[in-house]
């Protein structure tokens, strides 16, 4: 079953995985999930497969790794905050 997620929904989705989790396990778990970005949509499983580490200890660690593979324009305008301030 295909799912669609926004960036602000990733933490909750990633918390559903059992940690530690390998990059391959995470990519497989989200293989049918579309991530909605500011500049379009990408397959979340494919993006997770591009992350650097082979193993993640927490949802926060996995989310941080994902943000490292996203292009800057995918997350919105440079220097734009999400509800901070």
Protein backbone atom coordinates (compact mmCIF):
# COMPACT_ATOMS: atom_id res chain seq x y z
CA UNK A 1 0.00 0.00 0.00
CA UNK A 2 1.48 3.35 -1.05
CA UNK A 3 1.70 6.21 1.41
CA UNK A 4 2.45 9.90 1.14
CA UNK A 5 4.35 11.82 3.83
CA UNK A 6 5.42 15.42 4.34
CA UNK A 7 8.75 16.36 5.92
CA UNK A 8 7.07 17.29 9.20
CA UNK A 9 5.54 13.78 9.43
CA UNK A 10 8.84 11.90 9.14
CA UNK A 11 9.66 11.71 12.84
CA UNK A 12 6.43 9.91 13.69
CA UNK A 13 6.80 7.56 10.70
CA UNK A 14 10.43 6.78 11.55
CA UNK A 15 9.52 6.05 15.18
CA UNK A 16 7.46 3.09 13.94
CA UNK A 17 10.67 1.27 12.93
CA UNK A 18 12.49 -0.99 15.35
CA UNK A 19 15.96 0.36 16.23
CA UNK A 20 18.74 -0.13 15.54
CA UNK A 21 17.80 -0.33 11.87
CA UNK A 22 20.01 -0.74 8.82
CA UNK A 23 19.86 1.60 5.84
CA UNK A 24 18.55 -1.30 3.74
CA UNK A 25 15.78 -2.15 6.23
CA UNK A 26 14.67 1.49 6.39
CA UNK A 27 14.72 1.83 2.61
CA UNK A 28 12.65 -1.34 2.24
CA UNK A 29 10.15 -0.23 4.90
CA UNK A 30 9.49 2.99 2.98
CA UNK A 31 9.86 1.65 -0.56
CA UNK A 32 6.23 2.49 -1.37
CA UNK A 33 6.18 5.86 0.37
CA UNK A 34 6.21 9.18 -1.48
CA UNK A 35 7.83 12.13 0.29
CA UNK A 36 6.25 15.48 -0.62
CA UNK A 37 8.91 18.19 -0.89
CA UNK A 38 8.82 21.91 -1.65
CA UNK A 39 10.09 21.19 -5.18
CA UNK A 40 8.07 18.06 -5.94
CA UNK A 41 7.90 14.45 -4.77
CA UNK A 42 10.52 11.73 -4.27
CA UNK A 43 10.41 8.09 -3.24
CA UNK A 44 11.33 7.94 0.45
CA UNK A 45 12.82 4.46 0.21
CA UNK A 46 15.16 5.57 -2.58
CA UNK A 47 16.23 8.63 -0.60
CA UNK A 48 16.96 6.51 2.47
CA UNK A 49 19.06 4.23 0.28
CA UNK A 50 21.25 7.27 -0.53
CA UNK A 51 22.09 8.02 3.12
CA UNK A 52 25.67 7.68 4.35
CA UNK A 53 25.52 5.35 7.35
CA UNK A 54 24.72 1.65 7.16
CA UNK A 55 22.96 1.56 10.56
CA UNK A 56 20.85 4.02 12.57
CA UNK A 57 20.25 3.93 16.32
CA UNK A 58 17.18 6.19 16.48
CA UNK A 59 14.44 7.91 14.48
CA UNK A 60 16.21 11.24 14.97
CA UNK A 61 19.45 9.88 13.58
CA UNK A 62 17.66 8.48 10.52
CA UNK A 63 15.81 11.75 9.92
CA UNK A 64 19.04 13.76 10.18
CA UNK A 65 20.70 11.44 7.66
CA UNK A 66 17.78 11.89 5.27
CA UNK A 67 18.03 15.68 5.47
CA UNK A 68 21.69 15.38 4.46
CA UNK A 69 20.72 13.81 1.11
CA UNK A 70 17.90 16.26 0.29
CA UNK A 71 18.73 19.17 -2.01
CA UNK A 72 18.38 22.56 -0.28
CA UNK A 73 15.49 23.59 -2.55
CA UNK A 74 13.54 20.48 -1.55
CA UNK A 75 12.92 21.78 1.96
CA UNK A 76 11.83 25.32 1.07
CA UNK A 77 13.43 28.72 0.88
CA UNK A 78 16.96 29.10 2.29
CA UNK A 79 17.00 30.39 5.88
CA UNK A 80 13.27 29.79 6.23
CA UNK A 81 12.34 28.27 9.58
CA UNK A 82 9.47 25.94 10.36
CA UNK A 83 7.64 27.68 13.17
CA UNK A 84 10.69 28.97 15.01
CA UNK A 85 10.93 32.44 16.39
